[in-house]
């Protein structure tokens, strides 16, 4: 079995581009609006994505902390009536962890990829190892970026660019 991390690392790089694209042009007045009163808003989704990259990084040996743990640590759900960081602040945090995480991912060995995962992954994944966690988190990033893309369309912004 080939446990090369190359394809997963490429997907992380692509998500880094899409993250910036999906947030591009979103006005501050829309970042904290919950579409039906109960959905997550753009600031929470974006901040949670950045926090998840920090959590993953900490799991694989990167000792750097997110800027806003009070909002996102411990997989904290959205807190109603709370002012979350601005998209500029969240993007700055994302930009702090992303190049370090991408470099560390490519350094992972096949032996490390099959070690038991300390992070949550659904029981439906066949293997509860670091590779399974990476697969789950990449899929989760796709899902969250898609949520933001849908929200931005609901506010009348143009569709997210894939370039």
Protein backbone atom coordinates (compact mmCIF):
# COMPACT_ATOMS: atom_id res chain seq x y z
CA UNK A 1 0.00 0.00 0.00
CA UNK A 2 1.34 3.42 -0.98
CA UNK A 3 1.14 5.80 1.95
CA UNK A 4 2.49 8.80 0.08
CA UNK A 5 1.19 12.05 1.49
CA UNK A 6 1.76 13.90 -1.79
CA UNK A 7 -1.87 13.87 -3.01
CA UNK A 8 -3.19 14.90 0.40
CA UNK A 9 -0.68 17.72 0.58
CA UNK A 10 -1.76 18.89 -2.86
CA UNK A 11 -5.37 18.97 -1.66
CA UNK A 12 -4.38 21.04 1.38
CA UNK A 13 -2.64 23.51 -0.93
CA UNK A 14 -5.71 23.69 -3.15
CA UNK A 15 -7.95 24.31 -0.13
CA UNK A 16 -5.62 27.12 0.88
CA UNK A 17 -6.41 28.81 -2.43
CA UNK A 18 -10.14 28.11 -2.19
CA UNK A 19 -10.27 29.41 1.41
CA UNK A 20 -9.00 32.79 0.28
CA UNK A 21 -11.24 32.76 -2.81
CA UNK A 22 -14.43 31.96 -0.91
CA UNK A 23 -13.82 34.81 1.54
CA UNK A 24 -12.79 37.34 -1.09
CA UNK A 25 -15.02 40.39 -1.16
CA UNK A 26 -17.28 39.34 1.72
CA UNK A 27 -18.29 42.51 3.52
CA UNK A 28 -18.10 42.70 7.34
CA UNK A 29 -21.87 43.24 7.54
CA UNK A 30 -22.39 39.66 6.28
CA UNK A 31 -19.76 37.79 8.30
CA UNK A 32 -21.88 37.30 11.44
CA UNK A 33 -25.29 36.73 9.87
CA UNK A 34 -26.82 33.31 10.51
CA UNK A 35 -29.04 32.74 7.49
CA UNK A 36 -31.98 31.14 9.24
CA UNK A 37 -31.03 32.13 12.75
CA UNK A 38 -29.44 28.78 13.57
CA UNK A 39 -26.86 28.09 10.87
CA UNK A 40 -23.20 28.87 11.43
CA UNK A 41 -22.04 32.19 10.05
CA UNK A 42 -19.07 32.86 7.80
CA UNK A 43 -16.75 34.08 10.58
CA UNK A 44 -17.35 30.97 12.68
CA UNK A 45 -16.89 28.58 9.75
CA UNK A 46 -13.69 30.29 8.58
CA UNK A 47 -12.31 30.54 12.12
CA UNK A 48 -13.15 26.91 12.80
CA UNK A 49 -11.31 25.87 9.63
CA UNK A 50 -8.20 27.76 10.74
CA UNK A 51 -8.46 26.33 14.26
CA UNK A 52 -8.70 22.81 12.86
CA UNK A 53 -5.45 23.33 10.95
CA UNK A 54 -3.81 24.44 14.21
CA UNK A 55 -5.18 21.35 16.01
CA UNK A 56 -3.86 19.08 13.29
CA UNK A 57 -0.52 20.87 13.33
CA UNK A 58 -0.22 20.46 17.10
CA UNK A 59 -0.98 16.75 16.69
CA UNK A 60 1.87 16.26 14.21
CA UNK A 61 4.51 18.21 16.10
CA UNK A 62 3.95 21.86 15.22
CA UNK A 63 4.07 23.95 18.36
CA UNK A 64 2.14 27.04 17.37
CA UNK A 65 -1.12 28.24 18.89
CA UNK A 66 -4.12 29.75 17.18
CA UNK A 67 -4.83 33.39 17.88
CA UNK A 68 -8.42 32.86 19.07
CA UNK A 69 -8.64 29.73 21.24
CA UNK A 70 -11.47 31.19 23.31
CA UNK A 71 -13.77 30.83 20.29
CA UNK A 72 -12.64 27.54 18.80
CA UNK A 73 -10.67 25.32 21.18
CA UNK A 74 -12.08 21.93 22.06
CA UNK A 75 -14.28 21.85 18.95
CA UNK A 76 -16.48 24.51 20.50
CA UNK A 77 -19.80 25.12 18.77
CA UNK A 78 -20.81 28.60 17.69
CA UNK A 79 -21.61 30.93 20.58
CA UNK A 80 -24.71 33.00 19.91
CA UNK A 81 -24.52 36.78 20.18
CA UNK A 82 -20.72 36.73 20.20
CA UNK A 83 -18.53 38.93 18.05
CA UNK A 84 -16.05 36.63 16.35
CA UNK A 85 -12.77 37.85 14.86
CA UNK A 86 -12.88 39.63 11.52
CA UNK A 87 -12.16 37.74 8.33
CA UNK A 88 -8.89 39.66 8.03
CA UNK A 89 -7.82 38.37 11.46
CA UNK A 90 -8.91 34.82 10.65
CA UNK A 91 -7.08 34.88 7.29
CA UNK A 92 -3.97 36.15 9.07
CA UNK A 93 -4.17 33.18 11.46
CA UNK A 94 -4.78 30.80 8.51
CA UNK A 95 -1.72 32.24 6.75
CA UNK A 96 0.37 31.69 9.88
CA UNK A 97 -0.31 27.94 10.15
CA UNK A 98 -0.79 26.93 6.52
CA UNK A 99 2.80 27.01 5.16
CA UNK A 100 4.13 25.34 8.30
CA UNK A 101 1.43 22.65 8.15
CA UNK A 102 1.96 22.01 4.46
CA UNK A 103 5.71 21.56 5.02
CA UNK A 104 5.14 19.23 7.97
CA UNK A 105 2.60 17.11 6.08
CA UNK A 106 5.11 16.30 3.35
CA UNK A 107 7.61 15.20 6.02
CA UNK A 108 5.29 12.57 7.53
CA UNK A 109 6.58 9.03 7.14
CA UNK A 110 4.47 5.97 6.28
CA UNK A 111 5.06 4.78 9.84
CA UNK A 112 3.63 8.00 11.26
CA UNK A 113 0.62 7.86 8.93
CA UNK A 114 -0.48 4.50 10.34
CA UNK A 115 -0.15 5.49 14.01
CA UNK A 116 -3.36 5.74 16.02
CA UNK A 117 -5.00 9.11 15.64
CA UNK A 118 -5.43 11.26 18.74
CA UNK A 119 -7.99 13.43 16.92
CA UNK A 120 -11.65 12.70 16.33
CA UNK A 121 -12.58 10.89 13.17
CA UNK A 122 -15.91 9.22 12.43
CA UNK A 123 -16.19 5.56 13.34
CA UNK A 124 -17.23 4.85 9.75
CA UNK A 125 -13.64 5.29 8.56
CA UNK A 126 -11.95 1.93 8.32
CA UNK A 127 -8.74 2.91 10.09
CA UNK A 128 -8.46 5.20 13.09
CA UNK A 129 -4.99 6.35 12.14
CA UNK A 130 -3.36 9.62 11.19
CA UNK A 131 -3.94 8.97 7.49
CA UNK A 132 -7.67 8.47 8.13
CA UNK A 133 -7.72 11.69 10.13
CA UNK A 134 -6.09 13.59 7.28
CA UNK A 135 -8.63 12.20 4.82
CA UNK A 136 -11.51 13.21 7.10
CA UNK A 137 -10.14 16.71 7.72
CA UNK A 138 -9.57 17.33 4.00
CA UNK A 139 -13.13 16.27 3.29
CA UNK A 140 -14.37 18.49 6.13
CA UNK A 141 -12.49 21.47 4.67
CA UNK A 142 -14.20 20.88 1.32
CA UNK A 143 -17.57 20.77 3.05
CA UNK A 144 -16.96 23.97 5.05
CA UNK A 145 -15.64 25.89 2.04
CA UNK A 146 -18.78 24.78 0.22
CA UNK A 147 -20.94 26.09 3.07
CA UNK A 148 -19.29 29.50 2.86
CA UNK A 149 -19.72 29.44 -0.93
CA UNK A 150 -23.44 28.82 -0.49
CA UNK A 151 -23.77 31.58 2.11
CA UNK A 152 -21.96 34.07 -0.10
CA UNK A 153 -24.39 33.28 -2.95
CA UNK A 154 -27.34 33.82 -0.57
CA UNK A 155 -26.00 37.34 0.07
CA UNK A 156 -25.77 38.02 -3.66
CA UNK A 157 -22.01 37.74 -4.13
CA UNK A 158 -20.64 36.13 -7.26
CA UNK A 159 -19.73 32.46 -7.06
CA UNK A 160 -16.39 31.46 -5.59
CA UNK A 161 -13.63 31.17 -8.16
CA UNK A 162 -11.78 27.88 -8.56
CA UNK A 163 -8.67 29.49 -10.02
